[in-house]
Amino acid sequence: ILAAVQAHIITYLLFTRETECTHLERLCRVGRWEQG
């Protein structure tokens, strides 16, 4: 279950949310609010 949800989390962080960061930075520069 966690793996299935993780796939959607990565998709959201890389392709959906608005940010000026590069792809790798989009994943590493995630704060607590963005995690939620």
PDB file of all heavy atoms in Angstrom:
ATOM      1  N   ILE A   1       0.840  -1.196   0.000  1.00  0.00           N
ATOM      2  CA  ILE A   1       0.000   0.000   0.000  1.00  0.00           C
ATOM      3  C   ILE A   1       0.873   1.243   0.000  1.00  0.00           C
ATOM      4  O   ILE A   1       0.626   2.195  -0.750  1.00  0.00           O
ATOM      5  CB  ILE A   1      -0.962  -0.002   1.209  1.00  0.00           C
ATOM      6  CG1 ILE A   1      -1.985  -1.126   1.032  1.00  0.00           C
ATOM      7  CG2 ILE A   1      -1.644   1.341   1.382  1.00  0.00           C
ATOM      8  CD1 ILE A   1      -2.901  -1.320   2.200  1.00  0.00           C
ATOM      9  N   LEU A   2       1.908   1.257   0.821  1.00  0.00           N
ATOM     10  CA  LEU A   2       2.797   2.407   0.876  1.00  0.00           C
ATOM     11  C   LEU A   2       3.484   2.643  -0.468  1.00  0.00           C
ATOM     12  O   LEU A   2       3.648   3.787  -0.900  1.00  0.00           O
ATOM     13  CB  LEU A   2       3.841   2.222   1.981  1.00  0.00           C
ATOM     14  CG  LEU A   2       3.293   2.207   3.410  1.00  0.00           C
ATOM     15  CD1 LEU A   2       4.386   1.847   4.399  1.00  0.00           C
ATOM     16  CD2 LEU A   2       2.676   3.537   3.765  1.00  0.00           C
ATOM     17  N   ALA A   3       3.864   1.573  -1.166  1.00  0.00           N
ATOM     18  CA  ALA A   3       4.522   1.708  -2.471  1.00  0.00           C
ATOM     19  C   ALA A   3       3.587   2.327  -3.501  1.00  0.00           C
ATOM     20  O   ALA A   3       3.999   3.178  -4.301  1.00  0.00           O
ATOM     21  CB  ALA A   3       5.020   0.351  -2.952  1.00  0.00           C
ATOM     22  N   ALA A   4       2.329   1.925  -3.495  1.00  0.00           N
ATOM     23  CA  ALA A   4       1.361   2.492  -4.441  1.00  0.00           C
ATOM     24  C   ALA A   4       1.146   3.982  -4.178  1.00  0.00           C
ATOM     25  O   ALA A   4       1.103   4.793  -5.107  1.00  0.00           O
ATOM     26  CB  ALA A   4       0.037   1.735  -4.351  1.00  0.00           C
ATOM     27  N   VAL A   5       1.032   4.344  -2.924  1.00  0.00           N
ATOM     28  CA  VAL A   5       0.849   5.756  -2.567  1.00  0.00           C
ATOM     29  C   VAL A   5       2.120   6.539  -2.885  1.00  0.00           C
ATOM     30  O   VAL A   5       2.063   7.666  -3.383  1.00  0.00           O
ATOM     31  CB  VAL A   5       0.451   5.896  -1.084  1.00  0.00           C
ATOM     32  CG1 VAL A   5       0.442   7.353  -0.643  1.00  0.00           C
ATOM     33  CG2 VAL A   5      -0.916   5.255  -0.837  1.00  0.00           C
ATOM     34  N   GLN A   6       3.284   5.922  -2.646  1.00  0.00           N
ATOM     35  CA  GLN A   6       4.565   6.579  -2.936  1.00  0.00           C
ATOM     36  C   GLN A   6       4.668   6.967  -4.408  1.00  0.00           C
ATOM     37  O   GLN A   6       5.164   8.044  -4.739  1.00  0.00           O
ATOM     38  CB  GLN A   6       5.728   5.662  -2.556  1.00  0.00           C
ATOM     39  CG  GLN A   6       7.097   6.275  -2.781  1.00  0.00           C
ATOM     40  CD  GLN A   6       7.377   7.424  -1.833  1.00  0.00           C
ATOM     41  OE1 GLN A   6       7.565   7.211  -0.642  1.00  0.00           O
ATOM     42  NE2 GLN A   6       7.414   8.643  -2.344  1.00  0.00           N
ATOM     43  N   ALA A   7       4.196   6.112  -5.296  1.00  0.00           N
ATOM     44  CA  ALA A   7       4.237   6.423  -6.733  1.00  0.00           C
ATOM     45  C   ALA A   7       3.445   7.688  -7.034  1.00  0.00           C
ATOM     46  O   ALA A   7       3.898   8.550  -7.805  1.00  0.00           O
ATOM     47  CB  ALA A   7       3.696   5.247  -7.537  1.00  0.00           C
ATOM     48  N   HIS A   8       2.288   7.851  -6.409  1.00  0.00           N
ATOM     49  CA  HIS A   8       1.478   9.060  -6.617  1.00  0.00           C
ATOM     50  C   HIS A   8       2.135  10.290  -5.999  1.00  0.00           C
ATOM     51  O   HIS A   8       2.029  11.392  -6.542  1.00  0.00           O
ATOM     52  CB  HIS A   8       0.071   8.868  -6.053  1.00  0.00           C
ATOM     53  CG  HIS A   8      -0.799   8.006  -6.901  1.00  0.00           C
ATOM     54  ND1 HIS A   8      -1.449   8.478  -8.023  1.00  0.00           N
ATOM     55  CD2 HIS A   8      -1.127   6.699  -6.807  1.00  0.00           C
ATOM     56  CE1 HIS A   8      -2.133   7.497  -8.569  1.00  0.00           C
ATOM     57  NE2 HIS A   8      -1.957   6.408  -7.851  1.00  0.00           N
ATOM     58  N   ILE A   9       2.813  10.104  -4.875  1.00  0.00           N
ATOM     59  CA  ILE A   9       3.513  11.219  -4.224  1.00  0.00           C
ATOM     60  C   ILE A   9       4.611  11.746  -5.139  1.00  0.00           C
ATOM     61  O   ILE A   9       4.738  12.955  -5.362  1.00  0.00           O
ATOM     62  CB  ILE A   9       4.088  10.790  -2.857  1.00  0.00           C
ATOM     63  CG1 ILE A   9       2.959  10.603  -1.852  1.00  0.00           C
ATOM     64  CG2 ILE A   9       5.117  11.800  -2.349  1.00  0.00           C
ATOM     65  CD1 ILE A   9       3.389   9.972  -0.541  1.00  0.00           C
ATOM     66  N   ILE A  10       5.414  10.855  -5.687  1.00  0.00           N
ATOM     67  CA  ILE A  10       6.503  11.272  -6.573  1.00  0.00           C
ATOM     68  C   ILE A  10       5.958  11.946  -7.823  1.00  0.00           C
ATOM     69  O   ILE A  10       6.476  12.970  -8.270  1.00  0.00           O
ATOM     70  CB  ILE A  10       7.404  10.070  -6.919  1.00  0.00           C
ATOM     71  CG1 ILE A  10       8.176   9.646  -5.665  1.00  0.00           C
ATOM     72  CG2 ILE A  10       8.363  10.413  -8.054  1.00  0.00           C
ATOM     73  CD1 ILE A  10       8.981   8.383  -5.816  1.00  0.00           C
ATOM     74  N   THR A  11       4.883  11.399  -8.393  1.00  0.00           N
ATOM     75  CA  THR A  11       4.262  12.014  -9.568  1.00  0.00           C
ATOM     76  C   THR A  11       3.819  13.437  -9.258  1.00  0.00           C
ATOM     77  O   THR A  11       4.059  14.364 -10.032  1.00  0.00           O
ATOM     78  CB  THR A  11       3.060  11.178 -10.043  1.00  0.00           C
ATOM     79  OG1 THR A  11       3.527   9.871 -10.371  1.00  0.00           O
ATOM     80  CG2 THR A  11       2.383  11.805 -11.236  1.00  0.00           C
ATOM     81  N   TYR A  12       3.173  13.626  -8.105  1.00  0.00           N
ATOM     82  CA  TYR A  12       2.726  14.963  -7.706  1.00  0.00           C
ATOM     83  C   TYR A  12       3.909  15.909  -7.536  1.00  0.00           C
ATOM     84  O   TYR A  12       3.904  17.030  -8.055  1.00  0.00           O
ATOM     85  CB  TYR A  12       1.918  14.874  -6.406  1.00  0.00           C
ATOM     86  CG  TYR A  12       1.655  16.226  -5.786  1.00  0.00           C
ATOM     87  CD1 TYR A  12       0.657  17.054  -6.286  1.00  0.00           C
ATOM     88  CD2 TYR A  12       2.407  16.682  -4.710  1.00  0.00           C
ATOM     89  CE1 TYR A  12       0.423  18.308  -5.734  1.00  0.00           C
ATOM     90  CE2 TYR A  12       2.180  17.928  -4.152  1.00  0.00           C
ATOM     91  CZ  TYR A  12       1.198  18.739  -4.667  1.00  0.00           C
ATOM     92  OH  TYR A  12       0.974  19.976  -4.128  1.00  0.00           O
ATOM     93  N   LEU A  13       4.922  15.469  -6.815  1.00  0.00           N
ATOM     94  CA  LEU A  13       6.061  16.350  -6.526  1.00  0.00           C
ATOM     95  C   LEU A  13       6.841  16.712  -7.778  1.00  0.00           C
ATOM     96  O   LEU A  13       7.345  17.838  -7.901  1.00  0.00           O
ATOM     97  CB  LEU A  13       6.984  15.694  -5.496  1.00  0.00           C
ATOM     98  CG  LEU A  13       6.420  15.565  -4.079  1.00  0.00           C
ATOM     99  CD1 LEU A  13       7.358  14.775  -3.197  1.00  0.00           C
ATOM    100  CD2 LEU A  13       6.123  16.933  -3.480  1.00  0.00           C
ATOM    101  N   LEU A  14       6.963  15.785  -8.710  1.00  0.00           N
ATOM    102  CA  LEU A  14       7.740  16.052  -9.923  1.00  0.00           C
ATOM    103  C   LEU A  14       6.970  16.806 -10.994  1.00  0.00           C
ATOM    104  O   LEU A  14       7.521  17.672 -11.673  1.00  0.00           O
ATOM    105  CB  LEU A  14       8.260  14.740 -10.519  1.00  0.00           C
ATOM    106  CG  LEU A  14       9.423  14.075  -9.808  1.00  0.00           C
ATOM    107  CD1 LEU A  14       9.771  12.757 -10.492  1.00  0.00           C
ATOM    108  CD2 LEU A  14      10.639  14.986  -9.762  1.00  0.00           C
ATOM    109  N   PHE A  15       5.699  16.484 -11.170  1.00  0.00           N
ATOM    110  CA  PHE A  15       4.997  16.967 -12.352  1.00  0.00           C
ATOM    111  C   PHE A  15       3.792  17.864 -12.092  1.00  0.00           C
ATOM    112  O   PHE A  15       3.325  18.525 -13.011  1.00  0.00           O
ATOM    113  CB  PHE A  15       4.552  15.777 -13.205  1.00  0.00           C
ATOM    114  CG  PHE A  15       5.679  14.856 -13.562  1.00  0.00           C
ATOM    115  CD1 PHE A  15       5.716  13.567 -13.074  1.00  0.00           C
ATOM    116  CD2 PHE A  15       6.723  15.287 -14.370  1.00  0.00           C
ATOM    117  CE1 PHE A  15       6.757  12.719 -13.397  1.00  0.00           C
ATOM    118  CE2 PHE A  15       7.771  14.450 -14.697  1.00  0.00           C
ATOM    119  CZ  PHE A  15       7.793  13.150 -14.206  1.00  0.00           C
ATOM    120  N   THR A  16       3.276  17.890 -10.879  1.00  0.00           N
ATOM    121  CA  THR A  16       2.041  18.625 -10.644  1.00  0.00           C
ATOM    122  C   THR A  16       2.264  19.933  -9.908  1.00  0.00           C
ATOM    123  O   THR A  16       1.757  20.972 -10.324  1.00  0.00           O
ATOM    124  CB  THR A  16       1.039  17.760  -9.852  1.00  0.00           C
ATOM    125  OG1 THR A  16       0.847  16.535 -10.557  1.00  0.00           O
ATOM    126  CG2 THR A  16      -0.290  18.467  -9.697  1.00  0.00           C
ATOM    127  N   ARG A  17       2.991  19.895  -8.843  1.00  0.00           N
ATOM    128  CA  ARG A  17       3.112  21.115  -8.026  1.00  0.00           C
ATOM    129  C   ARG A  17       3.983  22.152  -8.730  1.00  0.00           C
ATOM    130  O   ARG A  17       4.901  21.828  -9.474  1.00  0.00           O
ATOM    131  CB  ARG A  17       3.631  20.779  -6.634  1.00  0.00           C
ATOM    132  CG  ARG A  17       5.102  20.776  -6.490  1.00  0.00           C
ATOM    133  CD  ARG A  17       5.507  20.382  -5.090  1.00  0.00           C
ATOM    134  NE  ARG A  17       6.835  19.835  -5.204  1.00  0.00           N
ATOM    135  CZ  ARG A  17       7.885  20.294  -4.544  1.00  0.00           C
ATOM    136  NH1 ARG A  17       7.742  21.238  -3.664  1.00  0.00           N
ATOM    137  NH2 ARG A  17       9.070  19.777  -4.745  1.00  0.00           N
ATOM    138  N   GLU A  18       3.660  23.400  -8.467  1.00  0.00           N
ATOM    139  CA  GLU A  18       4.362  24.525  -9.073  1.00  0.00           C
ATOM    140  C   GLU A  18       5.596  24.854  -8.239  1.00  0.00           C
ATOM    141  O   GLU A  18       5.505  25.146  -7.056  1.00  0.00           O
ATOM    142  CB  GLU A  18       3.438  25.743  -9.122  1.00  0.00           C
ATOM    143  CG  GLU A  18       2.201  25.545  -9.973  1.00  0.00           C
ATOM    144  CD  GLU A  18       2.509  25.534 -11.446  1.00  0.00           C
ATOM    145  OE1 GLU A  18       3.439  26.249 -11.875  1.00  0.00           O
ATOM    146  OE2 GLU A  18       1.837  24.787 -12.181  1.00  0.00           O
ATOM    147  N   THR A  19       6.766  24.806  -8.869  1.00  0.00           N
ATOM    148  CA  THR A  19       8.008  25.174  -8.209  1.00  0.00           C
ATOM    149  C   THR A  19       9.045  25.495  -9.277  1.00  0.00           C
ATOM    150  O   THR A  19       8.936  25.038 -10.407  1.00  0.00           O
ATOM    151  CB  THR A  19       8.509  24.059  -7.268  1.00  0.00           C
ATOM    152  OG1 THR A  19       9.715  24.488  -6.650  1.00  0.00           O
ATOM    153  CG2 THR A  19       8.754  22.768  -8.010  1.00  0.00           C
ATOM    154  N   GLU A  20      10.044  26.266  -8.898  1.00  0.00           N
ATOM    155  CA  GLU A  20      11.095  26.634  -9.835  1.00  0.00           C
ATOM    156  C   GLU A  20      12.300  25.698  -9.739  1.00  0.00           C
ATOM    157  O   GLU A  20      13.278  25.877 -10.450  1.00  0.00           O
ATOM    158  CB  GLU A  20      11.539  28.073  -9.567  1.00  0.00           C
ATOM    159  CG  GLU A  20      10.434  29.081  -9.817  1.00  0.00           C
ATOM    160  CD  GLU A  20      10.836  30.498  -9.459  1.00  0.00           C
ATOM    161  OE1 GLU A  20      11.989  30.712  -9.063  1.00  0.00           O
ATOM    162  OE2 GLU A  20       9.979  31.380  -9.576  1.00  0.00           O
ATOM    163  N   CYS A  21      12.256  24.720  -8.893  1.00  0.00           N
ATOM    164  CA  CYS A  21      13.378  23.809  -8.679  1.00  0.00           C
ATOM    165  C   CYS A  21      13.517  22.828  -9.836  1.00  0.00           C
ATOM    166  O   CYS A  21      12.571  22.541 -10.553  1.00  0.00           O
ATOM    167  CB  CYS A  21      13.172  23.019  -7.383  1.00  0.00           C
ATOM    168  SG  CYS A  21      13.049  24.046  -5.924  1.00  0.00           S
ATOM    169  N   THR A  22      14.723  22.275  -9.973  1.00  0.00           N
ATOM    170  CA  THR A  22      14.945  21.205 -10.943  1.00  0.00           C
ATOM    171  C   THR A  22      14.269  19.941 -10.425  1.00  0.00           C
ATOM    172  O   THR A  22      13.824  19.888  -9.278  1.00  0.00           O
ATOM    173  CB  THR A  22      16.445  20.931 -11.135  1.00  0.00           C
ATOM    174  OG1 THR A  22      16.975  20.418  -9.908  1.00  0.00           O
ATOM    175  CG2 THR A  22      17.190  22.183 -11.562  1.00  0.00           C
ATOM    176  N   HIS A  23      14.220  18.914 -11.253  1.00  0.00           N
ATOM    177  CA  HIS A  23      13.514  17.693 -10.865  1.00  0.00           C
ATOM    178  C   HIS A  23      14.059  17.084  -9.579  1.00  0.00           C
ATOM    179  O   HIS A  23      13.285  16.720  -8.694  1.00  0.00           O
ATOM    180  CB  HIS A  23      13.554  16.665 -11.998  1.00  0.00           C
ATOM    181  CG  HIS A  23      12.617  16.988 -13.109  1.00  0.00           C
ATOM    182  ND1 HIS A  23      11.264  17.075 -12.919  1.00  0.00           N
ATOM    183  CD2 HIS A  23      12.835  17.275 -14.411  1.00  0.00           C
ATOM    184  CE1 HIS A  23      10.677  17.388 -14.051  1.00  0.00           C
ATOM    185  NE2 HIS A  23      11.616  17.528 -14.979  1.00  0.00           N
ATOM    186  N   LEU A  24      15.362  16.958  -9.447  1.00  0.00           N
ATOM    187  CA  LEU A  24      15.921  16.368  -8.229  1.00  0.00           C
ATOM    188  C   LEU A  24      15.669  17.272  -7.028  1.00  0.00           C
ATOM    189  O   LEU A  24      15.311  16.796  -5.952  1.00  0.00           O
ATOM    190  CB  LEU A  24      17.417  16.089  -8.397  1.00  0.00           C
ATOM    191  CG  LEU A  24      18.096  15.401  -7.228  1.00  0.00           C
ATOM    192  CD1 LEU A  24      17.401  14.072  -6.907  1.00  0.00           C
ATOM    193  CD2 LEU A  24      19.562  15.172  -7.516  1.00  0.00           C
ATOM    194  N   GLU A  25      15.829  18.571  -7.219  1.00  0.00           N
ATOM    195  CA  GLU A  25      15.577  19.503  -6.117  1.00  0.00           C
ATOM    196  C   GLU A  25      14.109  19.484  -5.701  1.00  0.00           C
ATOM    197  O   GLU A  25      13.795  19.702  -4.539  1.00  0.00           O
ATOM    198  CB  GLU A  25      15.972  20.923  -6.526  1.00  0.00           C
ATOM    199  CG  GLU A  25      17.463  21.125  -6.651  1.00  0.00           C
ATOM    200  CD  GLU A  25      17.805  22.490  -7.232  1.00  0.00           C
ATOM    201  OE1 GLU A  25      16.976  23.046  -7.984  1.00  0.00           O
ATOM    202  OE2 GLU A  25      18.900  22.982  -6.941  1.00  0.00           O
ATOM    203  N   ARG A  26      13.217  19.212  -6.650  1.00  0.00           N
ATOM    204  CA  ARG A  26      11.788  19.146  -6.328  1.00  0.00           C
ATOM    205  C   ARG A  26      11.526  18.067  -5.281  1.00  0.00           C
ATOM    206  O   ARG A  26      10.622  18.198  -4.477  1.00  0.00           O
ATOM    207  CB  ARG A  26      10.961  18.818  -7.568  1.00  0.00           C
ATOM    208  CG  ARG A  26      10.792  19.942  -8.514  1.00  0.00           C
ATOM    209  CD  ARG A  26      10.027  19.482  -9.736  1.00  0.00           C
ATOM    210  NE  ARG A  26       9.809  20.600 -10.610  1.00  0.00           N
ATOM    211  CZ  ARG A  26       8.640  20.905 -11.140  1.00  0.00           C
ATOM    212  NH1 ARG A  26       7.592  20.155 -10.924  1.00  0.00           N
ATOM    213  NH2 ARG A  26       8.515  21.943 -11.903  1.00  0.00           N
ATOM    214  N   LEU A  27      12.295  17.008  -5.323  1.00  0.00           N
ATOM    215  CA  LEU A  27      12.090  15.910  -4.382  1.00  0.00           C
ATOM    216  C   LEU A  27      12.771  16.167  -3.041  1.00  0.00           C
ATOM    217  O   LEU A  27      12.243  15.810  -1.996  1.00  0.00           O
ATOM    218  CB  LEU A  27      12.596  14.606  -4.977  1.00  0.00           C
ATOM    219  CG  LEU A  27      11.849  14.093  -6.205  1.00  0.00           C
ATOM    220  CD1 LEU A  27      12.500  12.826  -6.727  1.00  0.00           C
ATOM    221  CD2 LEU A  27      10.392  13.851  -5.893  1.00  0.00           C
ATOM    222  N   CYS A  28      13.947  16.762  -3.060  1.00  0.00           N
ATOM    223  CA  CYS A  28      14.713  16.938  -1.830  1.00  0.00           C
ATOM    224  C   CYS A  28      14.302  18.170  -1.033  1.00  0.00           C
ATOM    225  O   CYS A  28      14.478  18.205   0.179  1.00  0.00           O
ATOM    226  CB  CYS A  28      16.202  17.016  -2.152  1.00  0.00           C
ATOM    227  SG  CYS A  28      16.842  15.516  -2.894  1.00  0.00           S
ATOM    228  N   ARG A  29      13.780  19.176  -1.691  1.00  0.00           N
ATOM    229  CA  ARG A  29      13.421  20.412  -1.002  1.00  0.00           C
ATOM    230  C   ARG A  29      11.953  20.415  -0.607  1.00  0.00           C
ATOM    231  O   ARG A  29      11.226  21.367  -0.864  1.00  0.00           O
ATOM    232  CB  ARG A  29      13.724  21.607  -1.886  1.00  0.00           C
ATOM    233  CG  ARG A  29      15.197  21.822  -2.091  1.00  0.00           C
ATOM    234  CD  ARG A  29      15.439  23.094  -2.818  1.00  0.00           C
ATOM    235  NE  ARG A  29      16.862  23.294  -3.024  1.00  0.00           N
ATOM    236  CZ  ARG A  29      17.370  24.317  -3.650  1.00  0.00           C
ATOM    237  NH1 ARG A  29      16.576  25.249  -4.133  1.00  0.00           N
ATOM    238  NH2 ARG A  29      18.659  24.424  -3.799  1.00  0.00           N
ATOM    239  N   VAL A  30      11.537  19.372   0.029  1.00  0.00           N
ATOM    240  CA  VAL A  30      10.144  19.228   0.437  1.00  0.00           C
ATOM    241  C   VAL A  30      10.056  19.455   1.945  1.00  0.00           C
ATOM    242  O   VAL A  30      10.737  18.794   2.713  1.00  0.00           O
ATOM    243  CB  VAL A  30       9.610  17.821   0.067  1.00  0.00           C
ATOM    244  CG1 VAL A  30       8.187  17.648   0.554  1.00  0.00           C
ATOM    245  CG2 VAL A  30       9.691  17.609  -1.431  1.00  0.00           C
ATOM    246  N   GLY A  31       9.214  20.403   2.324  1.00  0.00           N
ATOM    247  CA  GLY A  31       9.006  20.684   3.741  1.00  0.00           C
ATOM    248  C   GLY A  31       7.845  19.877   4.294  1.00  0.00           C
ATOM    249  O   GLY A  31       7.172  19.144   3.581  1.00  0.00           O
ATOM    250  N   ARG A  32       7.595  20.025   5.572  1.00  0.00           N
ATOM    251  CA  ARG A  32       6.539  19.268   6.255  1.00  0.00           C
ATOM    252  C   ARG A  32       5.155  19.544   5.647  1.00  0.00           C
ATOM    253  O   ARG A  32       4.374  18.645   5.424  1.00  0.00           O
ATOM    254  CB  ARG A  32       6.534  19.593   7.748  1.00  0.00           C
ATOM    255  CG  ARG A  32       5.607  18.702   8.561  1.00  0.00           C
ATOM    256  CD  ARG A  32       5.812  18.822  10.051  1.00  0.00           C
ATOM    257  NE  ARG A  32       7.177  18.747  10.506  1.00  0.00           N
ATOM    258  CZ  ARG A  32       7.884  17.622  10.642  1.00  0.00           C
ATOM    259  NH1 ARG A  32       7.342  16.479  10.331  1.00  0.00           N
ATOM    260  NH2 ARG A  32       9.126  17.640  11.074  1.00  0.00           N
ATOM    261  N   TRP A  33       4.842  20.819   5.362  1.00  0.00           N
ATOM    262  CA  TRP A  33       3.545  21.157   4.782  1.00  0.00           C
ATOM    263  C   TRP A  33       3.400  20.526   3.396  1.00  0.00           C
ATOM    264  O   TRP A  33       2.352  19.973   3.066  1.00  0.00           O
ATOM    265  CB  TRP A  33       3.378  22.664   4.693  1.00  0.00           C
ATOM    266  CG  TRP A  33       2.037  23.062   4.174  1.00  0.00           C
ATOM    267  CD1 TRP A  33       0.883  23.187   4.885  1.00  0.00           C
ATOM    268  CD2 TRP A  33       1.698  23.355   2.814  1.00  0.00           C
ATOM    269  NE1 TRP A  33      -0.156  23.549   4.046  1.00  0.00           N
ATOM    270  CE2 TRP A  33       0.324  23.663   2.771  1.00  0.00           C
ATOM    271  CE3 TRP A  33       2.425  23.398   1.634  1.00  0.00           C
ATOM    272  CZ2 TRP A  33      -0.336  24.006   1.605  1.00  0.00           C
ATOM    273  CZ3 TRP A  33       1.764  23.738   0.458  1.00  0.00           C
ATOM    274  CH2 TRP A  33       0.400  24.036   0.458  1.00  0.00           C
ATOM    275  N   GLU A  34       4.464  20.595   2.593  1.00  0.00           N
ATOM    276  CA  GLU A  34       4.423  20.010   1.251  1.00  0.00           C
ATOM    277  C   GLU A  34       4.290  18.484   1.310  1.00  0.00           C
ATOM    278  O   GLU A  34       3.642  17.886   0.451  1.00  0.00           O
ATOM    279  CB  GLU A  34       5.669  20.396   0.460  1.00  0.00           C
ATOM    280  CG  GLU A  34       5.704  21.865   0.100  1.00  0.00           C
ATOM    281  CD  GLU A  34       7.019  22.266  -0.521  1.00  0.00           C
ATOM    282  OE1 GLU A  34       8.071  22.013   0.105  1.00  0.00           O
ATOM    283  OE2 GLU A  34       6.992  22.815  -1.628  1.00  0.00           O
ATOM    284  N   GLN A  35       4.885  17.874   2.308  1.00  0.00           N
ATOM    285  CA  GLN A  35       4.723  16.432   2.483  1.00  0.00           C
ATOM    286  C   GLN A  35       3.257  16.100   2.708  1.00  0.00           C
ATOM    287  O   GLN A  35       2.725  15.163   2.120  1.00  0.00           O
ATOM    288  CB  GLN A  35       5.565  15.930   3.669  1.00  0.00           C
ATOM    289  CG  GLN A  35       7.045  15.892   3.413  1.00  0.00           C
ATOM    290  CD  GLN A  35       7.842  15.521   4.649  1.00  0.00           C
ATOM    291  OE1 GLN A  35       7.408  15.735   5.786  1.00  0.00           O
ATOM    292  NE2 GLN A  35       9.029  14.966   4.440  1.00  0.00           N
ATOM    293  N   GLY A  36       2.600  16.871   3.555  1.00  0.00           N
ATOM    294  CA  GLY A  36       1.183  16.652   3.821  1.00  0.00           C
ATOM    295  C   GLY A  36       0.323  16.852   2.585  1.00  0.00           C
ATOM    296  O   GLY A  36      -0.600  16.074   2.321  1.00  0.00           O
TER     297      GLY A  36
END
